[in-house]
Amino acid sequence: MGKRRLASDSPTNPRPMKQMSVWRRRMSAASAMLLASAMLAGCGSTPKTPESQWGPERLYSEAKEEASQGNYERAGKLYERLEGRASGTVLAQQAQIERAYMLYKNGDKAQALSTLERFIKLHPTSAAIDYAYYLQGIINFNDSTGLFGNFTRQDLSERDQQASRDSYQSFKQLVDLYPQSLYAEDARARMNYIVNSLAGYEVHVARYYYRRGAYVAAANRAQQVITEFQQSPSAEEALFIMAASYDKLGLNDLRDDAERVLQASFPSSTIKTEGVRTKKSSWWQFW
């Protein structure tokens, strides 16, 4: 007699084979899910970079080296990492200041100023607070020198003086709060330059209006120079434009007043014979 087949092995009873097939499919699906999860976990984890193992001193020295080679973006990132690693220490403050300078050197003025603003708010008693004000002023100062570099490239009435005014305020805070700072003398010189620049700008705009027959606007801009920048070299021409504008408007009393002030303030003035200038004068000095 032949061997008796077990019912479960019988080709006429396919249930066990189907169950095995389903189990295998489920196991395959489960394995695939586990593999996919492992792969995703591997992709989601950030691979360790060399600097993640560096201590604060190593981060600082590497950042300084990158900066010296002109790699400002890389240096800025290292300083940012150092700021977090050395949080609460003087080194963290130094890293924040250095990062602001790297951002500025890399062309990101807005982020640099934002970083300095945060530093000043967080560390008002820091030993580096005077430098923070100074750097804040320098960033805006250098942004504004391009503004005054060539008046012929843009309609004068459309120019913005805000960068210069912001720079002046930063330098003023520095010299008022820390008059003995190493940066105070240079800040004062730059403040003087900014005042002359702003006054010169107003005179250029007044001249622009005068040449186009907008005499009320010309007189108003010239008056602003006399009100805000009395000691500026531009005050002489501002007084002359005021007198000339009032004359064109038929305001003789105001014209005569402006001429009297001009004569008293600048007794050797030759501007009456020169008339309203047609081109910029050399009142600026670039650093």
C-alpha atoms as a PDB file:
ATOM      1  CA  MET A   1       0.000   0.000   0.000  1.00  0.00           C
ATOM      2  CA  GLY A   2       1.230   3.414  -0.744  1.00  0.00           C
ATOM      3  CA  LYS A   3       1.832   5.942   1.964  1.00  0.00           C
ATOM      4  CA  ARG A   4      -1.235   7.692   3.135  1.00  0.00           C
ATOM      5  CA  ARG A   5      -1.080  11.356   2.389  1.00  0.00           C
ATOM      6  CA  LEU A   6      -1.837  13.757   5.180  1.00  0.00           C
ATOM      7  CA  ALA A   7      -4.829  15.886   4.480  1.00  0.00           C
ATOM      8  CA  SER A   8      -2.749  18.985   4.923  1.00  0.00           C
ATOM      9  CA  ASP A   9      -0.353  17.880   2.193  1.00  0.00           C
ATOM     10  CA  SER A  10      -3.026  16.989  -0.273  1.00  0.00           C
ATOM     11  CA  PRO A  11      -2.941  18.979  -3.465  1.00  0.00           C
ATOM     12  CA  THR A  12      -6.722  18.849  -3.312  1.00  0.00           C
ATOM     13  CA  ASN A  13      -6.678  20.827  -0.037  1.00  0.00           C
ATOM     14  CA  PRO A  14      -4.854  24.104  -0.847  1.00  0.00           C
ATOM     15  CA  ARG A  15      -5.636  25.940   2.461  1.00  0.00           C
ATOM     16  CA  PRO A  16      -2.244  25.336   4.165  1.00  0.00           C
ATOM     17  CA  MET A  17      -0.352  26.403   1.039  1.00  0.00           C
ATOM     18  CA  LYS A  18      -2.381  29.604   0.851  1.00  0.00           C
ATOM     19  CA  GLN A  19      -1.751  30.307   4.523  1.00  0.00           C
ATOM     20  CA  MET A  20       2.006  29.860   3.978  1.00  0.00           C
ATOM     21  CA  SER A  21       1.892  32.168   0.976  1.00  0.00           C
ATOM     22  CA  VAL A  22       0.024  34.845   2.940  1.00  0.00           C
ATOM     23  CA  TRP A  23       2.482  34.529   5.852  1.00  0.00           C
ATOM     24  CA  ARG A  24       5.425  34.922   3.513  1.00  0.00           C
ATOM     25  CA  ARG A  25       3.907  37.997   1.943  1.00  0.00           C
ATOM     26  CA  ARG A  26       3.242  39.489   5.362  1.00  0.00           C
ATOM     27  CA  MET A  27       6.783  38.759   6.486  1.00  0.00           C
ATOM     28  CA  SER A  28       8.164  40.269   3.289  1.00  0.00           C
ATOM     29  CA  ALA A  29       6.033  43.379   3.767  1.00  0.00           C
ATOM     30  CA  ALA A  30       7.108  43.673   7.408  1.00  0.00           C
ATOM     31  CA  SER A  31      10.758  43.270   6.444  1.00  0.00           C
ATOM     32  CA  ALA A  32      10.376  45.923   3.776  1.00  0.00           C
ATOM     33  CA  MET A  33       8.820  48.306   6.282  1.00  0.00           C
ATOM     34  CA  LEU A  34      11.605  47.724   8.796  1.00  0.00           C
ATOM     35  CA  LEU A  35      14.214  48.254   6.096  1.00  0.00           C
ATOM     36  CA  ALA A  36      12.524  51.437   4.936  1.00  0.00           C
ATOM     37  CA  SER A  37      12.343  52.702   8.525  1.00  0.00           C
ATOM     38  CA  ALA A  38      16.015  51.985   9.026  1.00  0.00           C
ATOM     39  CA  MET A  39      16.876  53.793   5.814  1.00  0.00           C
ATOM     40  CA  LEU A  40      14.755  56.802   6.769  1.00  0.00           C
ATOM     41  CA  ALA A  41      16.327  56.887  10.202  1.00  0.00           C
ATOM     42  CA  GLY A  42      19.727  56.836   8.587  1.00  0.00           C
ATOM     43  CA  CYS A  43      18.769  59.661   6.243  1.00  0.00           C
ATOM     44  CA  GLY A  44      17.214  61.711   9.033  1.00  0.00           C
ATOM     45  CA  SER A  45      20.227  61.606  11.325  1.00  0.00           C
ATOM     46  CA  THR A  46      22.779  64.327  10.688  1.00  0.00           C
ATOM     47  CA  PRO A  47      26.214  62.906  10.014  1.00  0.00           C
ATOM     48  CA  LYS A  48      28.754  64.257  12.429  1.00  0.00           C
ATOM     49  CA  THR A  49      31.052  66.902  11.034  1.00  0.00           C
ATOM     50  CA  PRO A  50      34.621  67.351  12.273  1.00  0.00           C
ATOM     51  CA  GLU A  51      33.806  70.620  14.008  1.00  0.00           C
ATOM     52  CA  SER A  52      31.039  68.964  16.010  1.00  0.00           C
ATOM     53  CA  GLN A  53      33.836  67.277  17.980  1.00  0.00           C
ATOM     54  CA  TRP A  54      35.893  70.440  18.495  1.00  0.00           C
ATOM     55  CA  GLY A  55      36.072  72.251  21.786  1.00  0.00           C
ATOM     56  CA  PRO A  56      35.492  76.030  22.073  1.00  0.00           C
ATOM     57  CA  GLU A  57      39.186  76.890  21.756  1.00  0.00           C
ATOM     58  CA  ARG A  58      39.578  74.819  18.609  1.00  0.00           C
ATOM     59  CA  LEU A  59      36.440  76.353  17.099  1.00  0.00           C
ATOM     60  CA  TYR A  60      37.741  79.848  17.820  1.00  0.00           C
ATOM     61  CA  SER A  61      41.182  79.225  16.328  1.00  0.00           C
ATOM     62  CA  GLU A  62      39.714  77.571  13.220  1.00  0.00           C
ATOM     63  CA  ALA A  63      37.264  80.441  12.742  1.00  0.00           C
ATOM     64  CA  LYS A  64      40.101  82.969  13.002  1.00  0.00           C
ATOM     65  CA  GLU A  65      42.097  81.011  10.438  1.00  0.00           C
ATOM     66  CA  GLU A  66      39.175  80.872   8.009  1.00  0.00           C
ATOM     67  CA  ALA A  67      38.617  84.607   8.436  1.00  0.00           C
ATOM     68  CA  SER A  68      42.280  85.386   7.772  1.00  0.00           C
ATOM     69  CA  GLN A  69      42.001  83.522   4.473  1.00  0.00           C
ATOM     70  CA  GLY A  70      38.906  85.463   3.443  1.00  0.00           C
ATOM     71  CA  ASN A  71      36.501  82.552   3.969  1.00  0.00           C
ATOM     72  CA  TYR A  72      33.991  84.779   5.775  1.00  0.00           C
ATOM     73  CA  GLU A  73      30.942  82.579   5.339  1.00  0.00           C
ATOM     74  CA  ARG A  74      32.733  79.532   6.735  1.00  0.00           C
ATOM     75  CA  ALA A  75      34.211  81.584   9.577  1.00  0.00           C
ATOM     76  CA  GLY A  76      30.785  82.993  10.413  1.00  0.00           C
ATOM     77  CA  LYS A  77      29.310  79.515  10.716  1.00  0.00           C
ATOM     78  CA  LEU A  78      32.119  78.436  13.036  1.00  0.00           C
ATOM     79  CA  TYR A  79      31.588  81.500  15.214  1.00  0.00           C
ATOM     80  CA  GLU A  80      27.868  80.734  15.313  1.00  0.00           C
ATOM     81  CA  ARG A  81      28.613  77.196  16.464  1.00  0.00           C
ATOM     82  CA  LEU A  82      31.060  78.551  19.031  1.00  0.00           C
ATOM     83  CA  GLU A  83      28.463  80.983  20.356  1.00  0.00           C
ATOM     84  CA  GLY A  84      26.158  78.092  21.127  1.00  0.00           C
ATOM     85  CA  ARG A  85      28.932  75.830  22.462  1.00  0.00           C
ATOM     86  CA  ALA A  86      30.323  78.487  24.833  1.00  0.00           C
ATOM     87  CA  SER A  87      26.956  79.981  25.818  1.00  0.00           C
ATOM     88  CA  GLY A  88      27.098  82.211  28.871  1.00  0.00           C
ATOM     89  CA  THR A  89      30.822  82.910  28.633  1.00  0.00           C
ATOM     90  CA  VAL A  90      32.915  85.848  27.478  1.00  0.00           C
ATOM     91  CA  LEU A  91      34.065  83.699  24.576  1.00  0.00           C
ATOM     92  CA  ALA A  92      30.453  83.401  23.402  1.00  0.00           C
ATOM     93  CA  GLN A  93      30.178  87.190  23.395  1.00  0.00           C
ATOM     94  CA  GLN A  94      33.371  87.429  21.385  1.00  0.00           C
ATOM     95  CA  ALA A  95      32.026  84.865  18.932  1.00  0.00           C
ATOM     96  CA  GLN A  96      28.832  86.871  18.456  1.00  0.00           C
ATOM     97  CA  ILE A  97      30.754  90.063  17.710  1.00  0.00           C
ATOM     98  CA  GLU A  98      33.115  88.252  15.351  1.00  0.00           C
ATOM     99  CA  ARG A  99      30.179  86.636  13.562  1.00  0.00           C
ATOM    100  CA  ALA A 100      28.615  90.060  12.991  1.00  0.00           C
ATOM    101  CA  TYR A 101      31.834  91.221  11.377  1.00  0.00           C
ATOM    102  CA  MET A 102      32.002  88.088   9.196  1.00  0.00           C
ATOM    103  CA  LEU A 103      28.421  88.678   8.040  1.00  0.00           C
ATOM    104  CA  TYR A 104      29.335  92.248   7.144  1.00  0.00           C
ATOM    105  CA  LYS A 105      32.453  91.175   5.262  1.00  0.00           C
ATOM    106  CA  ASN A 106      30.409  88.571   3.414  1.00  0.00           C
ATOM    107  CA  GLY A 107      27.969  91.254   2.218  1.00  0.00           C
ATOM    108  CA  ASP A 108      25.065  90.478   4.557  1.00  0.00           C
ATOM    109  CA  LYS A 109      24.675  93.944   6.071  1.00  0.00           C
ATOM    110  CA  ALA A 110      21.134  93.432   7.386  1.00  0.00           C
ATOM    111  CA  GLN A 111      22.019  90.241   9.269  1.00  0.00           C
ATOM    112  CA  ALA A 112      25.199  91.809  10.617  1.00  0.00           C
ATOM    113  CA  LEU A 113      23.274  94.776  12.006  1.00  0.00           C
ATOM    114  CA  SER A 114      20.636  92.469  13.453  1.00  0.00           C
ATOM    115  CA  THR A 115      23.340  90.444  15.218  1.00  0.00           C
ATOM    116  CA  LEU A 116      24.887  93.594  16.671  1.00  0.00           C
ATOM    117  CA  GLU A 117      21.508  94.881  17.822  1.00  0.00           C
ATOM    118  CA  ARG A 118      20.915  91.595  19.621  1.00  0.00           C
ATOM    119  CA  PHE A 119      24.377  91.764  21.194  1.00  0.00           C
ATOM    120  CA  ILE A 120      23.792  95.305  22.489  1.00  0.00           C
ATOM    121  CA  LYS A 121      20.455  94.306  24.033  1.00  0.00           C
ATOM    122  CA  LEU A 122      21.778  91.099  25.604  1.00  0.00           C
ATOM    123  CA  HIS A 123      25.153  92.373  26.811  1.00  0.00           C
ATOM    124  CA  PRO A 124      24.874  96.080  27.713  1.00  0.00           C
ATOM    125  CA  THR A 125      27.729  95.763  30.223  1.00  0.00           C
ATOM    126  CA  SER A 126      30.054  93.746  28.000  1.00  0.00           C
ATOM    127  CA  ALA A 127      33.653  94.883  27.693  1.00  0.00           C
ATOM    128  CA  ALA A 128      33.104  94.848  23.924  1.00  0.00           C
ATOM    129  CA  ILE A 129      29.996  97.042  23.903  1.00  0.00           C
ATOM    130  CA  ASP A 130      31.913 100.085  22.628  1.00  0.00           C
ATOM    131  CA  TYR A 131      33.203  98.041  19.710  1.00  0.00           C
ATOM    132  CA  ALA A 132      29.661  96.853  18.994  1.00  0.00           C
ATOM    133  CA  TYR A 133      28.496 100.462  18.629  1.00  0.00           C
ATOM    134  CA  TYR A 134      31.552 101.280  16.549  1.00  0.00           C
ATOM    135  CA  LEU A 135      31.047  98.330  14.193  1.00  0.00           C
ATOM    136  CA  GLN A 136      27.362  99.222  13.884  1.00  0.00           C
ATOM    137  CA  GLY A 137      28.387 102.719  12.832  1.00  0.00           C
ATOM    138  CA  ILE A 138      31.046 101.464  10.426  1.00  0.00           C
ATOM    139  CA  ILE A 139      28.628  99.160   8.602  1.00  0.00           C
ATOM    140  CA  ASN A 140      26.166 101.981   7.971  1.00  0.00           C
ATOM    141  CA  PHE A 141      28.974 104.450   7.298  1.00  0.00           C
ATOM    142  CA  ASN A 142      30.435 102.342   4.514  1.00  0.00           C
ATOM    143  CA  ASP A 143      26.963 101.806   3.111  1.00  0.00           C
ATOM    144  CA  SER A 144      26.431 105.564   2.982  1.00  0.00           C
ATOM    145  CA  THR A 145      29.757 106.493   1.359  1.00  0.00           C
ATOM    146  CA  GLY A 146      28.519 104.914  -1.835  1.00  0.00           C
ATOM    147  CA  LEU A 147      25.444 107.110  -1.474  1.00  0.00           C
ATOM    148  CA  PHE A 148      27.511 110.283  -1.537  1.00  0.00           C
ATOM    149  CA  GLY A 149      30.160 109.014  -3.933  1.00  0.00           C
ATOM    150  CA  ASN A 150      28.609 110.322  -7.132  1.00  0.00           C
ATOM    151  CA  PHE A 151      25.634 112.656  -7.155  1.00  0.00           C
ATOM    152  CA  THR A 152      25.244 112.552 -10.920  1.00  0.00           C
ATOM    153  CA  ARG A 153      24.075 108.929 -11.161  1.00  0.00           C
ATOM    154  CA  GLN A 154      20.673 109.404  -9.596  1.00  0.00           C
ATOM    155  CA  ASP A 155      18.069 112.117  -9.146  1.00  0.00           C
ATOM    156  CA  LEU A 156      19.185 113.897  -5.980  1.00  0.00           C
ATOM    157  CA  SER A 157      15.683 114.182  -4.600  1.00  0.00           C
ATOM    158  CA  GLU A 158      15.364 110.380  -4.564  1.00  0.00           C
ATOM    159  CA  ARG A 159      18.421 109.589  -2.473  1.00  0.00           C
ATOM    160  CA  ASP A 160      18.069 108.120   1.013  1.00  0.00           C
ATOM    161  CA  GLN A 161      20.118 109.476   3.923  1.00  0.00           C
ATOM    162  CA  GLN A 162      19.001 106.904   6.487  1.00  0.00           C
ATOM    163  CA  ALA A 163      22.214 104.883   6.481  1.00  0.00           C
ATOM    164  CA  SER A 164      24.236 108.007   7.280  1.00  0.00           C
ATOM    165  CA  ARG A 165      21.849 109.055  10.033  1.00  0.00           C
ATOM    166  CA  ASP A 166      21.922 105.563  11.549  1.00  0.00           C
ATOM    167  CA  SER A 167      25.700 105.578  11.393  1.00  0.00           C
ATOM    168  CA  TYR A 168      25.843 108.958  13.111  1.00  0.00           C
ATOM    169  CA  GLN A 169      23.587 107.739  15.933  1.00  0.00           C
ATOM    170  CA  SER A 170      25.774 104.678  16.569  1.00  0.00           C
ATOM    171  CA  PHE A 171      28.940 106.774  16.686  1.00  0.00           C
ATOM    172  CA  LYS A 172      27.222 109.332  18.925  1.00  0.00           C
ATOM    173  CA  GLN A 173      26.191 106.644  21.408  1.00  0.00           C
ATOM    174  CA  LEU A 174      29.764 105.417  21.431  1.00  0.00           C
ATOM    175  CA  VAL A 175      31.371 108.804  22.134  1.00  0.00           C
ATOM    176  CA  ASP A 176      28.665 109.841  24.626  1.00  0.00           C
ATOM    177  CA  LEU A 177      28.751 106.621  26.643  1.00  0.00           C
ATOM    178  CA  TYR A 178      32.410 105.699  26.229  1.00  0.00           C
ATOM    179  CA  PRO A 179      34.382 108.891  25.507  1.00  0.00           C
ATOM    180  CA  GLN A 180      37.654 107.199  26.450  1.00  0.00           C
ATOM    181  CA  SER A 181      37.125 104.225  24.132  1.00  0.00           C
ATOM    182  CA  LEU A 182      39.878 103.320  21.696  1.00  0.00           C
ATOM    183  CA  TYR A 183      37.325 103.857  18.925  1.00  0.00           C
ATOM    184  CA  ALA A 184      36.020 107.243  20.116  1.00  0.00           C
ATOM    185  CA  GLU A 185      38.488 109.438  18.224  1.00  0.00           C
ATOM    186  CA  ASP A 186      37.813 107.783  14.899  1.00  0.00           C
ATOM    187  CA  ALA A 187      34.080 107.850  15.617  1.00  0.00           C
ATOM    188  CA  ARG A 188      34.218 111.627  16.173  1.00  0.00           C
ATOM    189  CA  ALA A 189      36.026 112.141  12.881  1.00  0.00           C
ATOM    190  CA  ARG A 190      33.428 110.077  11.063  1.00  0.00           C
ATOM    191  CA  MET A 191      30.597 111.958  12.769  1.00  0.00           C
ATOM    192  CA  ASN A 192      32.055 115.219  11.475  1.00  0.00           C
ATOM    193  CA  TYR A 193      32.267 113.747   7.996  1.00  0.00           C
ATOM    194  CA  ILE A 194      28.663 112.543   8.169  1.00  0.00           C
ATOM    195  CA  VAL A 195      27.410 115.977   9.251  1.00  0.00           C
ATOM    196  CA  ASN A 196      29.206 117.602   6.330  1.00  0.00           C
ATOM    197  CA  SER A 197      27.878 114.905   4.016  1.00  0.00           C
ATOM    198  CA  LEU A 198      24.284 115.361   5.131  1.00  0.00           C
ATOM    199  CA  ALA A 199      24.561 119.134   4.850  1.00  0.00           C
ATOM    200  CA  GLY A 200      26.162 118.834   1.430  1.00  0.00           C
ATOM    201  CA  TYR A 201      23.394 116.511   0.366  1.00  0.00           C
ATOM    202  CA  GLU A 202      20.716 119.000   1.381  1.00  0.00           C
ATOM    203  CA  VAL A 203      22.504 121.767  -0.540  1.00  0.00           C
ATOM    204  CA  HIS A 204      22.719 119.569  -3.627  1.00  0.00           C
ATOM    205  CA  VAL A 205      18.990 118.946  -3.416  1.00  0.00           C
ATOM    206  CA  ALA A 206      18.303 122.668  -2.859  1.00  0.00           C
ATOM    207  CA  ARG A 207      20.446 123.479  -5.892  1.00  0.00           C
ATOM    208  CA  TYR A 208      18.565 120.834  -7.901  1.00  0.00           C
ATOM    209  CA  TYR A 209      15.221 122.481  -7.082  1.00  0.00           C
ATOM    210  CA  TYR A 210      16.526 125.998  -7.696  1.00  0.00           C
ATOM    211  CA  ARG A 211      17.772 125.160 -11.193  1.00  0.00           C
ATOM    212  CA  ARG A 212      14.339 123.755 -12.023  1.00  0.00           C
ATOM    213  CA  GLY A 213      12.468 126.795 -10.781  1.00  0.00           C
ATOM    214  CA  ALA A 214      11.076 125.124  -7.653  1.00  0.00           C
ATOM    215  CA  TYR A 215      12.081 128.061  -5.473  1.00  0.00           C
ATOM    216  CA  VAL A 216       9.916 127.258  -2.437  1.00  0.00           C
ATOM    217  CA  ALA A 217      11.372 123.757  -2.251  1.00  0.00           C
ATOM    218  CA  ALA A 218      14.880 125.139  -2.764  1.00  0.00           C
ATOM    219  CA  ALA A 219      14.487 127.645   0.055  1.00  0.00           C
ATOM    220  CA  ASN A 220      13.085 124.993   2.392  1.00  0.00           C
ATOM    221  CA  ARG A 221      15.961 122.568   1.805  1.00  0.00           C
ATOM    222  CA  ALA A 222      18.506 125.355   2.221  1.00  0.00           C
ATOM    223  CA  GLN A 223      16.789 126.405   5.458  1.00  0.00           C
ATOM    224  CA  GLN A 224      17.138 122.840   6.730  1.00  0.00           C
ATOM    225  CA  VAL A 225      20.920 123.112   6.360  1.00  0.00           C
ATOM    226  CA  ILE A 226      20.979 126.327   8.419  1.00  0.00           C
ATOM    227  CA  THR A 227      18.768 124.772  11.086  1.00  0.00           C
ATOM    228  CA  GLU A 228      20.526 121.409  11.448  1.00  0.00           C
ATOM    229  CA  PHE A 229      24.078 121.969  10.216  1.00  0.00           C
ATOM    230  CA  GLN A 230      25.051 125.526  11.068  1.00  0.00           C
ATOM    231  CA  GLN A 231      28.772 124.752  11.376  1.00  0.00           C
ATOM    232  CA  SER A 232      28.982 122.880   8.077  1.00  0.00           C
ATOM    233  CA  PRO A 233      30.926 124.355   5.143  1.00  0.00           C
ATOM    234  CA  SER A 234      27.727 123.953   3.137  1.00  0.00           C
ATOM    235  CA  ALA A 235      25.986 126.632   5.202  1.00  0.00           C
ATOM    236  CA  GLU A 236      27.480 129.368   3.029  1.00  0.00           C
ATOM    237  CA  GLU A 237      25.891 128.106  -0.173  1.00  0.00           C
ATOM    238  CA  ALA A 238      22.674 127.276   1.658  1.00  0.00           C
ATOM    239  CA  LEU A 239      22.294 130.915   2.725  1.00  0.00           C
ATOM    240  CA  PHE A 240      22.967 132.081  -0.809  1.00  0.00           C
ATOM    241  CA  ILE A 241      20.346 129.697  -2.263  1.00  0.00           C
ATOM    242  CA  MET A 242      17.847 130.892   0.337  1.00  0.00           C
ATOM    243  CA  ALA A 243      18.444 134.527  -0.635  1.00  0.00           C
ATOM    244  CA  ALA A 244      18.296 133.757  -4.369  1.00  0.00           C
ATOM    245  CA  SER A 245      15.106 131.704  -3.982  1.00  0.00           C
ATOM    246  CA  TYR A 246      13.369 134.392  -1.941  1.00  0.00           C
ATOM    247  CA  ASP A 247      14.405 136.926  -4.548  1.00  0.00           C
ATOM    248  CA  LYS A 248      12.802 134.837  -7.304  1.00  0.00           C
ATOM    249  CA  LEU A 249       9.648 134.561  -5.194  1.00  0.00           C
ATOM    250  CA  GLY A 250       9.536 138.295  -4.585  1.00  0.00           C
ATOM    251  CA  LEU A 251       9.953 137.844  -0.819  1.00  0.00           C
ATOM    252  CA  ASN A 252      12.292 140.782  -0.377  1.00  0.00           C
ATOM    253  CA  ASP A 253      12.343 140.903   3.415  1.00  0.00           C
ATOM    254  CA  LEU A 254      13.308 137.239   3.674  1.00  0.00           C
ATOM    255  CA  ARG A 255      15.891 137.743   0.931  1.00  0.00           C
ATOM    256  CA  ASP A 256      17.463 140.640   2.787  1.00  0.00           C
ATOM    257  CA  ASP A 257      17.541 138.680   6.059  1.00  0.00           C
ATOM    258  CA  ALA A 258      19.321 135.766   4.380  1.00  0.00           C
ATOM    259  CA  GLU A 259      21.837 138.096   2.764  1.00  0.00           C
ATOM    260  CA  ARG A 260      22.591 139.808   6.095  1.00  0.00           C
ATOM    261  CA  VAL A 261      23.243 136.458   7.774  1.00  0.00           C
ATOM    262  CA  LEU A 262      25.413 135.394   4.834  1.00  0.00           C
ATOM    263  CA  GLN A 263      27.486 138.584   5.053  1.00  0.00           C
ATOM    264  CA  ALA A 264      27.863 138.347   8.832  1.00  0.00           C
ATOM    265  CA  SER A 265      28.768 134.643   8.834  1.00  0.00           C
ATOM    266  CA  PHE A 266      30.982 134.646   5.761  1.00  0.00           C
ATOM    267  CA  PRO A 267      32.383 138.176   5.343  1.00  0.00           C
ATOM    268  CA  SER A 268      34.943 137.026   2.764  1.00  0.00           C
ATOM    269  CA  SER A 269      32.457 135.028   0.732  1.00  0.00           C
ATOM    270  CA  THR A 270      32.724 135.230  -3.050  1.00  0.00           C
ATOM    271  CA  ILE A 271      29.648 133.118  -3.675  1.00  0.00           C
ATOM    272  CA  LYS A 272      27.599 136.119  -4.815  1.00  0.00           C
ATOM    273  CA  THR A 273      29.844 136.487  -7.826  1.00  0.00           C
ATOM    274  CA  GLU A 274      29.894 132.734  -8.481  1.00  0.00           C
ATOM    275  CA  GLY A 275      26.140 132.232  -8.292  1.00  0.00           C
ATOM    276  CA  VAL A 276      24.462 128.884  -7.699  1.00  0.00           C
ATOM    277  CA  ARG A 277      27.023 126.241  -8.457  1.00  0.00           C
ATOM    278  CA  THR A 278      26.456 123.833 -11.276  1.00  0.00           C
ATOM    279  CA  LYS A 279      28.535 120.936 -10.052  1.00  0.00           C
ATOM    280  CA  LYS A 280      29.520 119.307  -6.819  1.00  0.00           C
ATOM    281  CA  SER A 281      32.295 120.767  -4.725  1.00  0.00           C
ATOM    282  CA  SER A 282      35.040 118.810  -3.004  1.00  0.00           C
ATOM    283  CA  TRP A 283      33.787 118.771   0.582  1.00  0.00           C
ATOM    284  CA  TRP A 284      34.160 115.033   1.134  1.00  0.00           C
ATOM    285  CA  GLN A 285      37.057 112.831   2.045  1.00  0.00           C
ATOM    286  CA  PHE A 286      36.863 109.092   1.721  1.00  0.00           C
ATOM    287  CA  TRP A 287      38.461 106.638   4.078  1.00  0.00           C
END
